[in-house]
Amino acid sequence: MTKDSEIWEKFKIGDKTALSYIYFQNFELMFQYGIKFKDDPDFIKDCIQDVFFKLIKAGPNLSQTENIRYYLFRALKNNIYKELNKRKKLQLVEFEQLAFEGQFLIEDELSEKENASSKEKALLKALKSLSSRQREIIFLRYESGLDYDQICDIMDLKKDSARKLVYRAIKLMRDNIDDQLQIPIYLFFNFSSKYVF
């Protein structure tokens, strides 16, 4: 049994320490993920709170998980979609219309830097060239450390499609950089080394 599955089982039976651990270990990354769909911090915080409220209410009826972050991201994306549909008063929003629009942490840092090098400017331009889906998959894979099966479930993709989307995103970034950057692009993202492909 993995550490996540042990903590999840404790959470399901109402262990307050497990709830606190799950909340504080995941809130910030959930917020970073959610804000990229809707730039409304209060709305995203409400959606996250609603996810936790529903999880607490479901308790022992929750399914098992080997990766809590994946479970929470999936629940958050679904909740954002549902809440946006409610706001549109019965106007249906396609799931694909949930555009991932926020910036990566590295983009924020480079945008604020006054004397950015030509390599850094090229990287910033390359990141801005990514589509909404490419940005989301790069975030999930490299900033959140999710595996392809989990990403496929969250983004409603087939595994081959997910791998191609990552490949195309990195290729697009490389093409936009025009050989100015001599180190691998994925080193600019915050992720565990076990997810290097």
N, C-alpha and C. Protein backbone atom coordinates (compact mmCIF):
# COMPACT_ATOMS: atom_id res chain seq x y z
N MET A 1 0.85 -1.18 0.00
CA MET A 1 0.00 0.00 0.00
C MET A 1 0.89 1.25 0.00
N THR A 2 0.58 2.20 -0.88
CA THR A 2 1.39 3.42 -0.97
C THR A 2 1.04 4.37 0.16
N LYS A 3 1.90 5.36 0.37
CA LYS A 3 1.65 6.37 1.40
C LYS A 3 0.33 7.09 1.11
N ASP A 4 0.10 7.46 -0.16
CA ASP A 4 -1.14 8.15 -0.52
C ASP A 4 -2.37 7.30 -0.20
N SER A 5 -2.31 6.02 -0.53
CA SER A 5 -3.48 5.17 -0.29
C SER A 5 -3.74 4.99 1.21
N GLU A 6 -2.67 4.93 2.01
CA GLU A 6 -2.84 4.82 3.46
C GLU A 6 -3.49 6.09 4.03
N ILE A 7 -2.99 7.24 3.60
CA ILE A 7 -3.56 8.51 4.06
C ILE A 7 -5.01 8.64 3.61
N TRP A 8 -5.28 8.23 2.37
CA TRP A 8 -6.64 8.32 1.82
C TRP A 8 -7.61 7.45 2.62
N GLU A 9 -7.17 6.27 2.99
CA GLU A 9 -8.03 5.37 3.77
C GLU A 9 -8.34 6.00 5.14
N LYS A 10 -7.36 6.62 5.75
CA LYS A 10 -7.59 7.30 7.03
C LYS A 10 -8.56 8.46 6.85
N PHE A 11 -8.38 9.21 5.76
CA PHE A 11 -9.28 10.33 5.46
C PHE A 11 -10.72 9.84 5.30
N LYS A 12 -10.89 8.73 4.60
CA LYS A 12 -12.22 8.19 4.34
C LYS A 12 -12.97 7.84 5.63
N ILE A 13 -12.24 7.45 6.67
CA ILE A 13 -12.91 7.09 7.93
C ILE A 13 -13.01 8.28 8.88
N GLY A 14 -12.64 9.47 8.40
CA GLY A 14 -12.85 10.69 9.18
C GLY A 14 -11.67 11.16 10.00
N ASP A 15 -10.48 10.66 9.74
CA ASP A 15 -9.29 11.08 10.47
C ASP A 15 -8.97 12.54 10.14
N LYS A 16 -9.02 13.40 11.15
CA LYS A 16 -8.81 14.85 10.96
C LYS A 16 -7.36 15.17 10.58
N THR A 17 -6.41 14.39 11.06
CA THR A 17 -5.01 14.60 10.72
C THR A 17 -4.80 14.33 9.23
N ALA A 18 -5.42 13.28 8.73
CA ALA A 18 -5.32 12.94 7.30
C ALA A 18 -5.95 14.05 6.46
N LEU A 19 -7.10 14.56 6.88
CA LEU A 19 -7.75 15.67 6.18
C LEU A 19 -6.83 16.89 6.13
N SER A 20 -6.27 17.23 7.26
CA SER A 20 -5.37 18.39 7.34
C SER A 20 -4.17 18.19 6.43
N TYR A 21 -3.58 17.01 6.46
CA TYR A 21 -2.42 16.71 5.62
C TYR A 21 -2.76 16.85 4.14
N ILE A 22 -3.87 16.24 3.73
CA ILE A 22 -4.28 16.29 2.32
C ILE A 22 -4.55 17.74 1.90
N TYR A 23 -5.23 18.47 2.74
CA TYR A 23 -5.58 19.85 2.41
C TYR A 23 -4.33 20.71 2.25
N PHE A 24 -3.46 20.69 3.24
CA PHE A 24 -2.28 21.57 3.20
C PHE A 24 -1.22 21.12 2.20
N GLN A 25 -1.17 19.85 1.88
CA GLN A 25 -0.23 19.38 0.88
C GLN A 25 -0.68 19.69 -0.55
N ASN A 26 -1.98 19.92 -0.74
CA ASN A 26 -2.50 20.04 -2.09
C ASN A 26 -3.19 21.36 -2.42
N PHE A 27 -3.54 22.14 -1.42
CA PHE A 27 -4.32 23.35 -1.69
C PHE A 27 -3.62 24.28 -2.69
N GLU A 28 -2.36 24.60 -2.45
CA GLU A 28 -1.66 25.57 -3.29
C GLU A 28 -1.58 25.11 -4.75
N LEU A 29 -1.24 23.85 -4.96
CA LEU A 29 -1.14 23.34 -6.33
C LEU A 29 -2.52 23.25 -6.98
N MET A 30 -3.54 22.91 -6.20
CA MET A 30 -4.91 22.91 -6.73
C MET A 30 -5.29 24.34 -7.16
N PHE A 31 -4.93 25.31 -6.33
CA PHE A 31 -5.23 26.70 -6.66
C PHE A 31 -4.51 27.11 -7.94
N GLN A 32 -3.22 26.77 -8.05
CA GLN A 32 -2.46 27.10 -9.25
C GLN A 32 -3.08 26.46 -10.49
N TYR A 33 -3.55 25.24 -10.35
CA TYR A 33 -4.20 24.54 -11.47
C TYR A 33 -5.53 25.21 -11.81
N GLY A 34 -6.36 25.45 -10.82
CA GLY A 34 -7.69 26.02 -11.05
C GLY A 34 -7.66 27.43 -11.62
N ILE A 35 -6.74 28.25 -11.13
CA ILE A 35 -6.69 29.65 -11.55
C ILE A 35 -6.32 29.77 -13.03
N LYS A 36 -5.75 28.72 -13.58
CA LYS A 36 -5.39 28.74 -15.00
C LYS A 36 -6.62 28.52 -15.89
N PHE A 37 -7.72 28.07 -15.30
CA PHE A 37 -8.97 27.94 -16.05
C PHE A 37 -9.84 29.18 -15.92
N LYS A 38 -9.82 29.79 -14.75
CA LYS A 38 -10.67 30.95 -14.48
C LYS A 38 -9.90 31.88 -13.55
N ASP A 39 -9.56 33.05 -14.07
CA ASP A 39 -8.76 34.00 -13.30
C ASP A 39 -9.64 34.75 -12.31
N ASP A 40 -10.12 34.01 -11.33
CA ASP A 40 -10.98 34.56 -10.29
C ASP A 40 -10.63 33.82 -9.00
N PRO A 41 -9.68 34.35 -8.22
CA PRO A 41 -9.20 33.64 -7.03
C PRO A 41 -10.30 33.21 -6.07
N ASP A 42 -11.29 34.07 -5.83
CA ASP A 42 -12.36 33.70 -4.91
C ASP A 42 -13.19 32.53 -5.45
N PHE A 43 -13.48 32.57 -6.75
CA PHE A 43 -14.22 31.47 -7.37
C PHE A 43 -13.46 30.16 -7.24
N ILE A 44 -12.15 30.18 -7.51
CA ILE A 44 -11.34 28.96 -7.45
C ILE A 44 -11.25 28.46 -6.01
N LYS A 45 -11.06 29.36 -5.05
CA LYS A 45 -11.03 28.95 -3.64
C LYS A 45 -12.35 28.31 -3.24
N ASP A 46 -13.46 28.88 -3.70
CA ASP A 46 -14.77 28.30 -3.41
C ASP A 46 -14.90 26.91 -4.02
N CYS A 47 -14.40 26.75 -5.24
CA CYS A 47 -14.46 25.44 -5.89
C CYS A 47 -13.63 24.41 -5.13
N ILE A 48 -12.46 24.82 -4.65
CA ILE A 48 -11.60 23.90 -3.88
C ILE A 48 -12.30 23.53 -2.57
N GLN A 49 -12.86 24.52 -1.89
CA GLN A 49 -13.58 24.25 -0.65
C GLN A 49 -14.74 23.30 -0.89
N ASP A 50 -15.44 23.50 -2.00
CA ASP A 50 -16.56 22.63 -2.35
C ASP A 50 -16.09 21.20 -2.59
N VAL A 51 -14.94 21.04 -3.25
CA VAL A 51 -14.38 19.70 -3.47
C VAL A 51 -14.14 19.02 -2.13
N PHE A 52 -13.50 19.72 -1.20
CA PHE A 52 -13.21 19.11 0.10
C PHE A 52 -14.50 18.84 0.89
N PHE A 53 -15.47 19.74 0.80
CA PHE A 53 -16.74 19.52 1.48
C PHE A 53 -17.39 18.23 0.96
N LYS A 54 -17.41 18.07 -0.36
CA LYS A 54 -18.02 16.87 -0.95
C LYS A 54 -17.26 15.61 -0.58
N LEU A 55 -15.93 15.70 -0.53
CA LEU A 55 -15.13 14.54 -0.16
C LEU A 55 -15.38 14.14 1.29
N ILE A 56 -15.45 15.13 2.17
CA ILE A 56 -15.72 14.84 3.59
C ILE A 56 -17.10 14.22 3.74
N LYS A 57 -18.06 14.77 3.02
CA LYS A 57 -19.44 14.25 3.09
C LYS A 57 -19.52 12.82 2.57
N ALA A 58 -18.78 12.51 1.51
CA ALA A 58 -18.82 11.17 0.93
C ALA A 58 -18.11 10.15 1.82
N GLY A 59 -17.05 10.58 2.52
CA GLY A 59 -16.34 9.73 3.48
C GLY A 59 -16.06 8.32 3.00
N PRO A 60 -16.62 7.33 3.67
CA PRO A 60 -16.31 5.93 3.35
C PRO A 60 -16.78 5.48 1.96
N ASN A 61 -17.65 6.27 1.34
CA ASN A 61 -18.14 5.91 0.01
C ASN A 61 -17.19 6.31 -1.12
N LEU A 62 -16.11 7.02 -0.78
CA LEU A 62 -15.14 7.42 -1.79
C LEU A 62 -14.42 6.20 -2.35
N SER A 63 -14.07 6.29 -3.62
CA SER A 63 -13.28 5.20 -4.22
C SER A 63 -11.84 5.29 -3.71
N GLN A 64 -11.09 4.23 -3.92
CA GLN A 64 -9.69 4.21 -3.51
C GLN A 64 -8.86 4.98 -4.52
N THR A 65 -7.70 5.46 -4.08
CA THR A 65 -6.78 6.12 -4.99
C THR A 65 -5.35 5.86 -4.55
N GLU A 66 -4.48 5.75 -5.52
CA GLU A 66 -3.05 5.61 -5.27
C GLU A 66 -2.36 6.97 -5.35
N ASN A 67 -3.07 7.99 -5.87
CA ASN A 67 -2.49 9.31 -6.03
C ASN A 67 -3.55 10.36 -5.68
N ILE A 68 -3.41 10.94 -4.51
CA ILE A 68 -4.39 11.90 -4.01
C ILE A 68 -4.45 13.14 -4.89
N ARG A 69 -3.29 13.64 -5.32
CA ARG A 69 -3.26 14.86 -6.14
C ARG A 69 -4.05 14.66 -7.42
N TYR A 70 -3.88 13.52 -8.07
CA TYR A 70 -4.64 13.22 -9.28
C TYR A 70 -6.14 13.25 -8.98
N TYR A 71 -6.55 12.61 -7.91
CA TYR A 71 -7.95 12.54 -7.53
C TYR A 71 -8.51 13.95 -7.31
N LEU A 72 -7.74 14.79 -6.62
CA LEU A 72 -8.19 16.15 -6.33
C LEU A 72 -8.24 17.02 -7.58
N PHE A 73 -7.26 16.89 -8.47
CA PHE A 73 -7.27 17.67 -9.71
C PHE A 73 -8.49 17.30 -10.56
N ARG A 74 -8.76 16.02 -10.66
CA ARG A 74 -9.92 15.57 -11.44
C ARG A 74 -11.21 16.14 -10.85
N ALA A 75 -11.33 16.05 -9.53
CA ALA A 75 -12.53 16.58 -8.86
C ALA A 75 -12.63 18.09 -9.03
N LEU A 76 -11.51 18.79 -8.93
CA LEU A 76 -11.53 20.25 -9.08
C LEU A 76 -11.92 20.67 -10.49
N LYS A 77 -11.35 20.03 -11.49
CA LYS A 77 -11.69 20.39 -12.87
C LYS A 77 -13.18 20.15 -13.12
N ASN A 78 -13.71 19.03 -12.64
CA ASN A 78 -15.14 18.75 -12.79
C ASN A 78 -15.98 19.80 -12.08
N ASN A 79 -15.55 20.20 -10.88
CA ASN A 79 -16.30 21.18 -10.11
C ASN A 79 -16.28 22.55 -10.78
N ILE A 80 -15.13 22.95 -11.31
CA ILE A 80 -15.05 24.24 -12.02
C ILE A 80 -16.00 24.22 -13.21
N TYR A 81 -15.99 23.13 -13.95
CA TYR A 81 -16.87 22.98 -15.12
C TYR A 81 -18.35 23.11 -14.70
N LYS A 82 -18.72 22.41 -13.63
CA LYS A 82 -20.12 22.45 -13.17
C LYS A 82 -20.51 23.85 -12.68
N GLU A 83 -19.62 24.48 -11.94
CA GLU A 83 -19.93 25.81 -11.42
C GLU A 83 -20.02 26.86 -12.54
N LEU A 84 -19.16 26.74 -13.54
CA LEU A 84 -19.24 27.66 -14.67
C LEU A 84 -20.54 27.44 -15.45
N ASN A 85 -20.97 26.19 -15.55
CA ASN A 85 -22.25 25.92 -16.21
C ASN A 85 -23.40 26.56 -15.44
N LYS A 86 -23.35 26.47 -14.11
CA LYS A 86 -24.40 27.09 -13.29
C LYS A 86 -24.44 28.60 -13.52
N ARG A 87 -23.27 29.20 -13.59
CA ARG A 87 -23.18 30.65 -13.80
C ARG A 87 -23.74 31.07 -15.15
N LYS A 88 -23.65 30.21 -16.11
CA LYS A 88 -24.13 30.56 -17.45
C LYS A 88 -25.62 30.29 -17.61
N LYS A 89 -26.27 29.91 -16.53
CA LYS A 89 -27.73 29.70 -16.52
C LYS A 89 -28.20 28.82 -17.68
N LEU A 90 -27.81 27.57 -17.61
CA LEU A 90 -28.24 26.53 -18.54
C LEU A 90 -27.61 26.61 -19.93
N GLN A 91 -26.73 27.57 -20.16
CA GLN A 91 -25.98 27.56 -21.42
C GLN A 91 -24.89 26.51 -21.26
N LEU A 92 -24.92 25.51 -22.08
CA LEU A 92 -23.95 24.43 -21.94
C LEU A 92 -22.56 24.88 -22.37
N VAL A 93 -21.59 24.57 -21.54
CA VAL A 93 -20.19 24.84 -21.84
C VAL A 93 -19.54 23.50 -22.13
N GLU A 94 -18.94 23.38 -23.29
CA GLU A 94 -18.24 22.14 -23.61
C GLU A 94 -17.02 22.02 -22.71
N PHE A 95 -16.70 20.79 -22.29
CA PHE A 95 -15.58 20.57 -21.40
C PHE A 95 -14.29 21.10 -22.02
N GLU A 96 -14.18 20.99 -23.35
CA GLU A 96 -12.98 21.47 -24.03
C GLU A 96 -12.87 22.99 -23.96
N GLN A 97 -13.99 23.69 -23.71
CA GLN A 97 -13.97 25.14 -23.64
C GLN A 97 -13.38 25.64 -22.33
N LEU A 98 -13.12 24.74 -21.41
CA LEU A 98 -12.50 25.11 -20.15
C LEU A 98 -11.04 25.39 -20.45
N ALA A 99 -10.76 26.60 -20.90
CA ALA A 99 -9.43 26.96 -21.39
C ALA A 99 -8.44 27.16 -20.26
N PHE A 100 -7.31 26.54 -20.39
CA PHE A 100 -6.21 26.64 -19.43
C PHE A 100 -5.38 27.84 -19.84
N GLU A 101 -5.56 28.97 -19.15
CA GLU A 101 -5.01 30.23 -19.64
C GLU A 101 -3.91 30.84 -18.78
N GLY A 102 -3.68 30.33 -17.61
CA GLY A 102 -2.71 30.94 -16.71
C GLY A 102 -1.28 30.78 -17.16
N GLN A 103 -0.38 31.38 -16.39
CA GLN A 103 1.04 31.33 -16.71
C GLN A 103 1.75 30.32 -15.82
N PHE A 104 2.87 29.80 -16.33
CA PHE A 104 3.73 28.97 -15.52
C PHE A 104 4.52 29.86 -14.58
N LEU A 105 5.02 29.31 -13.50
CA LEU A 105 5.82 30.09 -12.56
C LEU A 105 7.02 30.73 -13.24
N ILE A 106 7.66 29.99 -14.14
CA ILE A 106 8.83 30.51 -14.84
C ILE A 106 8.46 31.72 -15.70
N GLU A 107 7.24 31.72 -16.26
CA GLU A 107 6.78 32.86 -17.06
C GLU A 107 6.65 34.11 -16.20
N ASP A 108 6.09 33.94 -15.01
CA ASP A 108 5.96 35.08 -14.10
C ASP A 108 7.33 35.65 -13.76
N GLU A 109 8.27 34.76 -13.46
CA GLU A 109 9.61 35.21 -13.10
C GLU A 109 10.28 35.94 -14.26
N LEU A 110 10.17 35.39 -15.46
CA LEU A 110 10.81 36.02 -16.62
C LEU A 110 10.13 37.32 -17.01
N SER A 111 8.82 37.39 -16.87
CA SER A 111 8.09 38.62 -17.21
C SER A 111 8.48 39.77 -16.30
N GLU A 112 8.78 39.45 -15.04
CA GLU A 112 9.13 40.49 -14.07
C GLU A 112 10.61 40.88 -14.15
N LYS A 113 11.40 40.08 -14.79
CA LYS A 113 12.84 40.33 -14.87
C LYS A 113 13.12 41.47 -15.85
N GLU A 114 13.83 42.49 -15.39
CA GLU A 114 14.09 43.65 -16.23
C GLU A 114 15.13 43.39 -17.31
N ASN A 115 16.18 42.70 -16.97
CA ASN A 115 17.28 42.47 -17.91
C ASN A 115 17.33 41.00 -18.34
N ALA A 116 16.25 40.53 -18.91
CA ALA A 116 16.21 39.13 -19.35
C ALA A 116 17.16 38.92 -20.51
N SER A 117 17.85 37.79 -20.48
CA SER A 117 18.78 37.47 -21.57
C SER A 117 18.00 37.08 -22.82
N SER A 118 18.68 36.99 -23.93
CA SER A 118 18.00 36.59 -25.17
C SER A 118 17.47 35.17 -25.05
N LYS A 119 18.16 34.31 -24.33
CA LYS A 119 17.68 32.93 -24.11
C LYS A 119 16.39 32.94 -23.30
N GLU A 120 16.35 33.76 -22.25
CA GLU A 120 15.15 33.84 -21.42
C GLU A 120 13.98 34.43 -22.19
N LYS A 121 14.25 35.44 -23.01
CA LYS A 121 13.20 36.02 -23.85
C LYS A 121 12.68 34.99 -24.84
N ALA A 122 13.59 34.17 -25.39
CA ALA A 122 13.18 33.13 -26.33
C ALA A 122 12.32 32.09 -25.64
N LEU A 123 12.68 31.73 -24.42
CA LEU A 123 11.88 30.77 -23.66
C LEU A 123 10.50 31.33 -23.37
N LEU A 124 10.42 32.58 -22.97
CA LEU A 124 9.13 33.23 -22.69
C LEU A 124 8.25 33.24 -23.93
N LYS A 125 8.84 33.56 -25.07
CA LYS A 125 8.10 33.55 -26.34
C LYS A 125 7.61 32.14 -26.67
N ALA A 126 8.46 31.15 -26.42
CA ALA A 126 8.10 29.76 -26.70
C ALA A 126 6.94 29.31 -25.81
N LEU A 127 6.97 29.66 -24.54
CA LEU A 127 5.88 29.29 -23.63
C LEU A 127 4.57 29.93 -24.05
N LYS A 128 4.64 31.18 -24.50
CA LYS A 128 3.42 31.89 -24.93
C LYS A 128 2.83 31.30 -26.22
N SER A 129 3.65 30.55 -26.97
CA SER A 129 3.17 29.97 -28.22
C SER A 129 2.33 28.70 -28.01
N LEU A 130 2.33 28.16 -26.79
CA LEU A 130 1.61 26.92 -26.52
C LEU A 130 0.09 27.14 -26.51
N SER A 131 -0.64 26.16 -27.00
CA SER A 131 -2.11 26.21 -26.95
C SER A 131 -2.57 25.94 -25.52
N SER A 132 -3.84 26.15 -25.26
CA SER A 132 -4.41 25.92 -23.95
C SER A 132 -4.21 24.46 -23.51
N ARG A 133 -4.47 23.52 -24.40
CA ARG A 133 -4.32 22.10 -24.07
C ARG A 133 -2.86 21.74 -23.83
N GLN A 134 -1.96 22.31 -24.62
CA GLN A 134 -0.53 22.05 -24.43
C GLN A 134 -0.07 22.60 -23.09
N ARG A 135 -0.55 23.78 -22.72
CA ARG A 135 -0.17 24.36 -21.43
C ARG A 135 -0.67 23.48 -20.28
N GLU A 136 -1.90 23.00 -20.41
CA GLU A 136 -2.46 22.17 -19.35
C GLU A 136 -1.67 20.88 -19.18
N ILE A 137 -1.36 20.22 -20.29
CA ILE A 137 -0.66 18.95 -20.18
C ILE A 137 0.76 19.13 -19.65
N ILE A 138 1.43 20.20 -20.04
CA ILE A 138 2.77 20.49 -19.51
C ILE A 138 2.69 20.75 -18.00
N PHE A 139 1.66 21.49 -17.57
CA PHE A 139 1.48 21.75 -16.14
C PHE A 139 1.25 20.44 -15.38
N LEU A 140 0.34 19.62 -15.88
CA LEU A 140 0.02 18.38 -15.19
C LEU A 140 1.21 17.42 -15.14
N ARG A 141 1.94 17.34 -16.24
CA ARG A 141 3.05 16.39 -16.33
C ARG A 141 4.27 16.87 -15.55
N TYR A 142 4.66 18.11 -15.73
CA TYR A 142 5.93 18.57 -15.19
C TYR A 142 5.83 19.40 -13.92
N GLU A 143 4.80 20.19 -13.76
CA GLU A 143 4.68 20.98 -12.54
C GLU A 143 3.96 20.19 -11.45
N SER A 144 3.07 19.28 -11.84
CA SER A 144 2.31 18.52 -10.85
C SER A 144 2.79 17.08 -10.70
N GLY A 145 3.58 16.59 -11.64
CA GLY A 145 4.15 15.26 -11.53
C GLY A 145 3.17 14.11 -11.72
N LEU A 146 2.10 14.33 -12.47
CA LEU A 146 1.14 13.25 -12.71
C LEU A 146 1.64 12.36 -13.85
N ASP A 147 1.23 11.08 -13.80
CA ASP A 147 1.63 10.18 -14.89
C ASP A 147 0.61 10.25 -16.03
N TYR A 148 0.93 9.62 -17.14
CA TYR A 148 0.09 9.75 -18.34
C TYR A 148 -1.32 9.19 -18.14
N ASP A 149 -1.47 8.11 -17.38
CA ASP A 149 -2.81 7.57 -17.15
C ASP A 149 -3.69 8.59 -16.42
N GLN A 150 -3.12 9.24 -15.42
CA GLN A 150 -3.87 10.23 -14.66
C GLN A 150 -4.19 11.45 -15.51
N ILE A 151 -3.23 11.89 -16.31
CA ILE A 151 -3.44 13.03 -17.20
C ILE A 151 -4.54 12.72 -18.20
N CYS A 152 -4.51 11.51 -18.75
CA CYS A 152 -5.53 11.10 -19.72
C CYS A 152 -6.93 11.16 -19.11
N ASP A 153 -7.04 10.74 -17.87
CA ASP A 153 -8.34 10.77 -17.21
C ASP A 153 -8.80 12.21 -16.98
N ILE A 154 -7.91 13.07 -16.51
CA ILE A 154 -8.28 14.47 -16.23
C ILE A 154 -8.62 15.21 -17.51
N MET A 155 -7.83 14.98 -18.57
CA MET A 155 -8.02 15.74 -19.81
C MET A 155 -8.88 15.02 -20.84
N ASP A 156 -9.36 13.83 -20.50
CA ASP A 156 -10.19 13.04 -21.40
C ASP A 156 -9.45 12.77 -22.72
N LEU A 157 -8.26 12.18 -22.59
CA LEU A 157 -7.41 11.85 -23.74
C LEU A 157 -7.07 10.37 -23.72
N LYS A 158 -6.67 9.86 -24.87
CA LYS A 158 -6.08 8.53 -24.95
C LYS A 158 -4.60 8.68 -24.68
N LYS A 159 -3.96 7.61 -24.21
CA LYS A 159 -2.55 7.70 -23.82
C LYS A 159 -1.66 8.15 -24.97
N ASP A 160 -1.87 7.60 -26.17
CA ASP A 160 -1.06 8.01 -27.32
C ASP A 160 -1.25 9.50 -27.61
N SER A 161 -2.48 9.96 -27.49
CA SER A 161 -2.77 11.38 -27.74
C SER A 161 -2.08 12.27 -26.72
N ALA A 162 -2.05 11.83 -25.47
CA ALA A 162 -1.39 12.61 -24.42
C ALA A 162 0.11 12.70 -24.69
N ARG A 163 0.73 11.60 -25.04
CA ARG A 163 2.16 11.60 -25.33
C ARG A 163 2.46 12.50 -26.54
N LYS A 164 1.61 12.41 -27.56
CA LYS A 164 1.80 13.26 -28.74
C LYS A 164 1.65 14.74 -28.39
N LEU A 165 0.68 15.04 -27.53
CA LEU A 165 0.46 16.43 -27.14
C LEU A 165 1.68 16.99 -26.38
N VAL A 166 2.26 16.19 -25.49
CA VAL A 166 3.47 16.62 -24.79
C VAL A 166 4.61 16.79 -25.78
N TYR A 167 4.77 15.81 -26.67
CA TYR A 167 5.84 15.87 -27.67
C TYR A 167 5.70 17.13 -28.53
N ARG A 168 4.49 17.38 -29.01
CA ARG A 168 4.27 18.55 -29.87
C ARG A 168 4.49 19.86 -29.13
N ALA A 169 4.11 19.90 -27.86
CA ALA A 169 4.32 21.11 -27.07
C ALA A 169 5.82 21.39 -26.92
N ILE A 170 6.58 20.36 -26.61
CA ILE A 170 8.02 20.55 -26.43
C ILE A 170 8.68 20.86 -27.77
N LYS A 171 8.21 20.21 -28.83
CA LYS A 171 8.77 20.49 -30.16
C LYS A 171 8.47 21.93 -30.57
N LEU A 172 7.25 22.38 -30.32
CA LEU A 172 6.87 23.76 -30.64
C LEU A 172 7.75 24.75 -29.87
N MET A 173 7.98 24.45 -28.60
CA MET A 173 8.84 25.32 -27.81
C MET A 173 10.26 25.33 -28.36
N ARG A 174 10.77 24.15 -28.69
CA ARG A 174 12.13 24.07 -29.26
C ARG A 174 12.21 24.86 -30.57
N ASP A 175 11.21 24.67 -31.42
CA ASP A 175 11.20 25.38 -32.70
C ASP A 175 11.17 26.89 -32.51
N ASN A 176 10.41 27.36 -31.52
CA ASN A 176 10.31 28.80 -31.25
C ASN A 176 11.57 29.37 -30.65
N ILE A 177 12.33 28.54 -29.99
CA ILE A 177 13.56 29.02 -29.36
C ILE A 177 14.68 29.18 -30.38
N ASP A 178 14.56 28.51 -31.52
CA ASP A 178 15.55 28.65 -32.59
C ASP A 178 16.98 28.36 -32.15
N ASP A 179 17.14 27.27 -31.45
CA ASP A 179 18.48 26.81 -31.03
C ASP A 179 19.24 27.79 -30.14
N GLN A 180 18.58 28.77 -29.54
CA GLN A 180 19.27 29.70 -28.64
C GLN A 180 19.51 29.08 -27.26
N LEU A 181 18.65 28.14 -26.89
CA LEU A 181 18.74 27.54 -25.57
C LEU A 181 19.46 26.20 -25.69
N GLN A 182 20.57 26.04 -25.00
CA GLN A 182 21.40 24.86 -25.13
C GLN A 182 21.13 23.79 -24.07
N ILE A 183 20.13 24.00 -23.21
CA ILE A 183 19.80 22.99 -22.21
C ILE A 183 18.38 22.52 -22.43
N PRO A 184 18.04 21.32 -21.96
CA PRO A 184 16.68 20.80 -22.19
C PRO A 184 15.62 21.71 -21.60
N ILE A 185 14.55 21.90 -22.37
CA ILE A 185 13.45 22.78 -21.99
C ILE A 185 12.79 22.32 -20.69
N TYR A 186 12.66 21.01 -20.52
CA TYR A 186 11.93 20.52 -19.36
C TYR A 186 12.61 20.86 -18.04
N LEU A 187 13.86 21.30 -18.07
CA LEU A 187 14.54 21.68 -16.83
C LEU A 187 13.98 22.97 -16.25
N PHE A 188 13.19 23.72 -17.02
CA PHE A 188 12.60 24.95 -16.52
C PHE A 188 11.32 24.71 -15.74
N PHE A 189 10.84 23.48 -15.76
CA PHE A 189 9.62 23.17 -15.03
C PHE A 189 9.98 22.48 -13.73
N ASN A 190 9.13 22.69 -12.73
CA ASN A 190 9.35 22.13 -11.40
C ASN A 190 8.69 20.75 -11.35
N PHE A 191 9.51 19.67 -11.48
CA PHE A 191 8.92 18.34 -11.43
C PHE A 191 9.93 17.34 -10.94
N SER A 192 9.41 16.19 -10.54
CA SER A 192 10.24 15.11 -10.05
C SER A 192 10.99 14.47 -11.21
N SER A 193 12.24 14.10 -10.97
CA SER A 193 13.07 13.52 -12.04
C SER A 193 12.52 12.20 -12.55
N LYS A 194 11.67 11.54 -11.79
CA LYS A 194 11.13 10.26 -12.27
C LYS A 194 10.17 10.44 -13.44
N TYR A 195 9.77 11.69 -13.71
CA TYR A 195 8.84 11.94 -14.80
C TYR A 195 9.51 12.41 -16.08
N VAL A 196 10.82 12.39 -16.13
CA VAL A 196 11.52 12.75 -17.35
C VAL A 196 11.24 11.65 -18.37
N PHE A 197 10.91 12.03 -19.60
CA PHE A 197 10.57 11.00 -20.59
C PHE A 197 11.68 10.85 -21.60
